[in-house]
Amino acid sequence: MRDIAHEVYEKMKVGSTAWIRPVAAKGDTIESFQIAHEQAKQLADEGLINIATVKRSAEGLIDSIRILKLA
């Protein structure tokens, strides 16, 4: 399984923000994307990012996460 949050984190510069979203071309679905929130929480617990916003679809599933790279 892809570590979507880490992939986005690696491409960012310190102090920048980015949205983490599922990419259909890479096989992501809203259902499989739910693990990205856990991955982002792990990065936040390590002090590498701050989770600014979590957006949910009408069904209550997470469909995007906005992060700020701290380190």
N, C-alpha and C. Protein backbone atom coordinates (compact mmCIF):
# COMPACT_ATOMS: atom_id res chain seq x y z
N MET A 1 0.84 -1.18 0.00
CA MET A 1 0.00 0.00 0.00
C MET A 1 0.89 1.25 0.00
N ARG A 2 0.50 2.23 -0.80
CA ARG A 2 1.25 3.48 -0.89
C ARG A 2 1.11 4.28 0.40
N ASP A 3 2.20 4.89 0.80
CA ASP A 3 2.16 5.82 1.93
C ASP A 3 1.99 7.22 1.34
N ILE A 4 0.74 7.57 1.05
CA ILE A 4 0.42 8.82 0.35
C ILE A 4 0.92 10.03 1.13
N ALA A 5 0.70 10.04 2.43
CA ALA A 5 1.10 11.19 3.25
C ALA A 5 2.61 11.40 3.18
N HIS A 6 3.38 10.33 3.24
CA HIS A 6 4.83 10.45 3.20
C HIS A 6 5.30 10.90 1.82
N GLU A 7 4.65 10.43 0.76
CA GLU A 7 5.00 10.86 -0.59
C GLU A 7 4.83 12.38 -0.74
N VAL A 8 3.72 12.90 -0.25
CA VAL A 8 3.47 14.35 -0.33
C VAL A 8 4.48 15.09 0.55
N TYR A 9 4.72 14.58 1.75
CA TYR A 9 5.67 15.20 2.68
C TYR A 9 7.05 15.34 2.04
N GLU A 10 7.52 14.31 1.37
CA GLU A 10 8.85 14.31 0.76
C GLU A 10 8.99 15.38 -0.32
N LYS A 11 7.91 15.73 -1.00
CA LYS A 11 7.96 16.70 -2.10
C LYS A 11 7.85 18.14 -1.61
N MET A 12 7.51 18.33 -0.34
CA MET A 12 7.27 19.66 0.19
C MET A 12 8.55 20.31 0.72
N LYS A 13 8.53 21.67 0.78
CA LYS A 13 9.58 22.43 1.43
C LYS A 13 9.09 22.81 2.83
N VAL A 14 10.02 22.98 3.76
CA VAL A 14 9.67 23.36 5.13
C VAL A 14 8.91 24.68 5.09
N GLY A 15 7.79 24.74 5.80
CA GLY A 15 6.96 25.93 5.88
C GLY A 15 5.86 25.99 4.83
N SER A 16 5.87 25.05 3.90
CA SER A 16 4.84 25.07 2.86
C SER A 16 3.65 24.20 3.26
N THR A 17 2.53 24.44 2.59
CA THR A 17 1.33 23.64 2.83
C THR A 17 0.99 22.87 1.56
N ALA A 18 0.26 21.79 1.73
CA ALA A 18 -0.17 20.97 0.60
C ALA A 18 -1.44 20.22 0.97
N TRP A 19 -2.20 19.88 -0.06
CA TRP A 19 -3.37 19.03 0.11
C TRP A 19 -2.99 17.61 -0.23
N ILE A 20 -3.40 16.68 0.60
CA ILE A 20 -3.24 15.25 0.30
C ILE A 20 -4.60 14.79 -0.19
N ARG A 21 -4.64 14.25 -1.40
CA ARG A 21 -5.89 13.77 -1.99
C ARG A 21 -5.65 12.44 -2.68
N PRO A 22 -6.68 11.62 -2.82
CA PRO A 22 -6.51 10.37 -3.57
C PRO A 22 -6.29 10.66 -5.05
N VAL A 23 -5.45 9.86 -5.69
CA VAL A 23 -5.14 10.02 -7.11
C VAL A 23 -5.65 8.77 -7.83
N ALA A 24 -6.71 8.94 -8.59
CA ALA A 24 -7.32 7.80 -9.28
C ALA A 24 -6.34 7.12 -10.24
N ALA A 25 -5.47 7.89 -10.87
CA ALA A 25 -4.50 7.33 -11.81
C ALA A 25 -3.51 6.38 -11.12
N LYS A 26 -3.34 6.54 -9.82
CA LYS A 26 -2.44 5.66 -9.06
C LYS A 26 -3.22 4.57 -8.32
N GLY A 27 -4.52 4.47 -8.62
CA GLY A 27 -5.33 3.41 -8.03
C GLY A 27 -5.97 3.75 -6.70
N ASP A 28 -5.90 5.00 -6.28
CA ASP A 28 -6.50 5.40 -5.00
C ASP A 28 -8.01 5.53 -5.14
N THR A 29 -8.71 5.16 -4.11
CA THR A 29 -10.14 5.39 -4.01
C THR A 29 -10.39 6.10 -2.69
N ILE A 30 -11.58 6.66 -2.53
CA ILE A 30 -11.92 7.32 -1.26
C ILE A 30 -11.80 6.31 -0.12
N GLU A 31 -12.24 5.08 -0.35
CA GLU A 31 -12.19 4.06 0.70
C GLU A 31 -10.75 3.71 1.07
N SER A 32 -9.88 3.55 0.06
CA SER A 32 -8.48 3.20 0.37
C SER A 32 -7.71 4.40 0.91
N PHE A 33 -8.21 5.62 0.65
CA PHE A 33 -7.54 6.84 1.09
C PHE A 33 -7.66 7.05 2.60
N GLN A 34 -8.58 6.39 3.26
CA GLN A 34 -8.80 6.60 4.69
C GLN A 34 -7.55 6.34 5.51
N ILE A 35 -6.69 5.43 5.06
CA ILE A 35 -5.45 5.12 5.78
C ILE A 35 -4.49 6.31 5.73
N ALA A 36 -4.62 7.19 4.74
CA ALA A 36 -3.73 8.35 4.63
C ALA A 36 -3.88 9.26 5.85
N HIS A 37 -5.06 9.31 6.44
CA HIS A 37 -5.25 10.13 7.64
C HIS A 37 -4.42 9.57 8.79
N GLU A 38 -4.39 8.26 8.93
CA GLU A 38 -3.56 7.64 9.97
C GLU A 38 -2.08 7.89 9.70
N GLN A 39 -1.69 7.83 8.42
CA GLN A 39 -0.30 8.09 8.05
C GLN A 39 0.07 9.54 8.39
N ALA A 40 -0.84 10.47 8.10
CA ALA A 40 -0.60 11.88 8.41
C ALA A 40 -0.51 12.09 9.92
N LYS A 41 -1.36 11.41 10.68
CA LYS A 41 -1.30 11.53 12.15
C LYS A 41 0.05 11.07 12.68
N GLN A 42 0.61 10.01 12.09
CA GLN A 42 1.92 9.53 12.52
C GLN A 42 3.00 10.58 12.26
N LEU A 43 2.95 11.22 11.08
CA LEU A 43 3.91 12.29 10.79
C LEU A 43 3.72 13.46 11.75
N ALA A 44 2.48 13.77 12.09
CA ALA A 44 2.21 14.86 13.03
C ALA A 44 2.73 14.50 14.42
N ASP A 45 2.55 13.26 14.85
CA ASP A 45 3.04 12.81 16.15
C ASP A 45 4.56 12.90 16.24
N GLU A 46 5.24 12.73 15.09
CA GLU A 46 6.70 12.83 15.05
C GLU A 46 7.16 14.28 14.97
N GLY A 47 6.22 15.22 14.85
CA GLY A 47 6.55 16.63 14.80
C GLY A 47 7.02 17.10 13.43
N LEU A 48 6.73 16.33 12.39
CA LEU A 48 7.17 16.68 11.05
C LEU A 48 6.18 17.55 10.30
N ILE A 49 4.89 17.39 10.62
CA ILE A 49 3.84 18.17 9.96
C ILE A 49 2.80 18.61 10.99
N ASN A 50 1.97 19.54 10.55
CA ASN A 50 0.78 19.92 11.30
C ASN A 50 -0.40 19.67 10.38
N ILE A 51 -1.42 19.00 10.86
CA ILE A 51 -2.63 18.77 10.07
C ILE A 51 -3.52 19.98 10.26
N ALA A 52 -3.71 20.75 9.18
CA ALA A 52 -4.47 21.99 9.26
C ALA A 52 -5.96 21.75 9.07
N THR A 53 -6.33 20.93 8.09
CA THR A 53 -7.73 20.72 7.74
C THR A 53 -7.94 19.29 7.29
N VAL A 54 -9.06 18.72 7.68
CA VAL A 54 -9.49 17.42 7.18
C VAL A 54 -10.89 17.60 6.62
N LYS A 55 -11.04 17.38 5.31
CA LYS A 55 -12.35 17.53 4.67
C LYS A 55 -12.96 16.15 4.46
N ARG A 56 -14.26 16.08 4.69
CA ARG A 56 -14.98 14.82 4.56
C ARG A 56 -16.05 14.93 3.48
N SER A 57 -16.32 13.80 2.84
CA SER A 57 -17.39 13.75 1.84
C SER A 57 -18.73 13.68 2.56
N ALA A 58 -19.80 13.71 1.80
CA ALA A 58 -21.15 13.65 2.37
C ALA A 58 -21.38 12.35 3.14
N GLU A 59 -20.66 11.29 2.76
CA GLU A 59 -20.78 10.00 3.44
C GLU A 59 -19.96 9.93 4.71
N GLY A 60 -19.18 10.97 5.00
CA GLY A 60 -18.36 11.00 6.21
C GLY A 60 -16.95 10.48 6.01
N LEU A 61 -16.59 10.09 4.79
CA LEU A 61 -15.25 9.60 4.51
C LEU A 61 -14.32 10.77 4.23
N ILE A 62 -13.07 10.65 4.63
CA ILE A 62 -12.08 11.70 4.41
C ILE A 62 -11.72 11.72 2.93
N ASP A 63 -11.83 12.92 2.30
CA ASP A 63 -11.47 13.00 0.89
C ASP A 63 -10.31 13.94 0.62
N SER A 64 -9.85 14.69 1.62
CA SER A 64 -8.63 15.49 1.47
C SER A 64 -8.14 15.95 2.85
N ILE A 65 -6.82 16.15 2.91
CA ILE A 65 -6.17 16.56 4.15
C ILE A 65 -5.17 17.67 3.80
N ARG A 66 -5.23 18.78 4.50
CA ARG A 66 -4.27 19.87 4.27
C ARG A 66 -3.23 19.81 5.37
N ILE A 67 -1.95 19.81 4.97
CA ILE A 67 -0.86 19.71 5.94
C ILE A 67 0.12 20.86 5.78
N LEU A 68 0.86 21.14 6.85
CA LEU A 68 1.92 22.13 6.87
C LEU A 68 3.20 21.40 7.28
N LYS A 69 4.25 21.52 6.48
CA LYS A 69 5.52 20.84 6.79
C LYS A 69 6.30 21.67 7.79
N LEU A 70 6.61 21.08 8.93
CA LEU A 70 7.33 21.77 10.00
C LEU A 70 8.83 21.48 9.97
N ALA A 71 9.21 20.29 9.55
CA ALA A 71 10.63 19.90 9.53
C ALA A 71 10.95 19.07 8.33
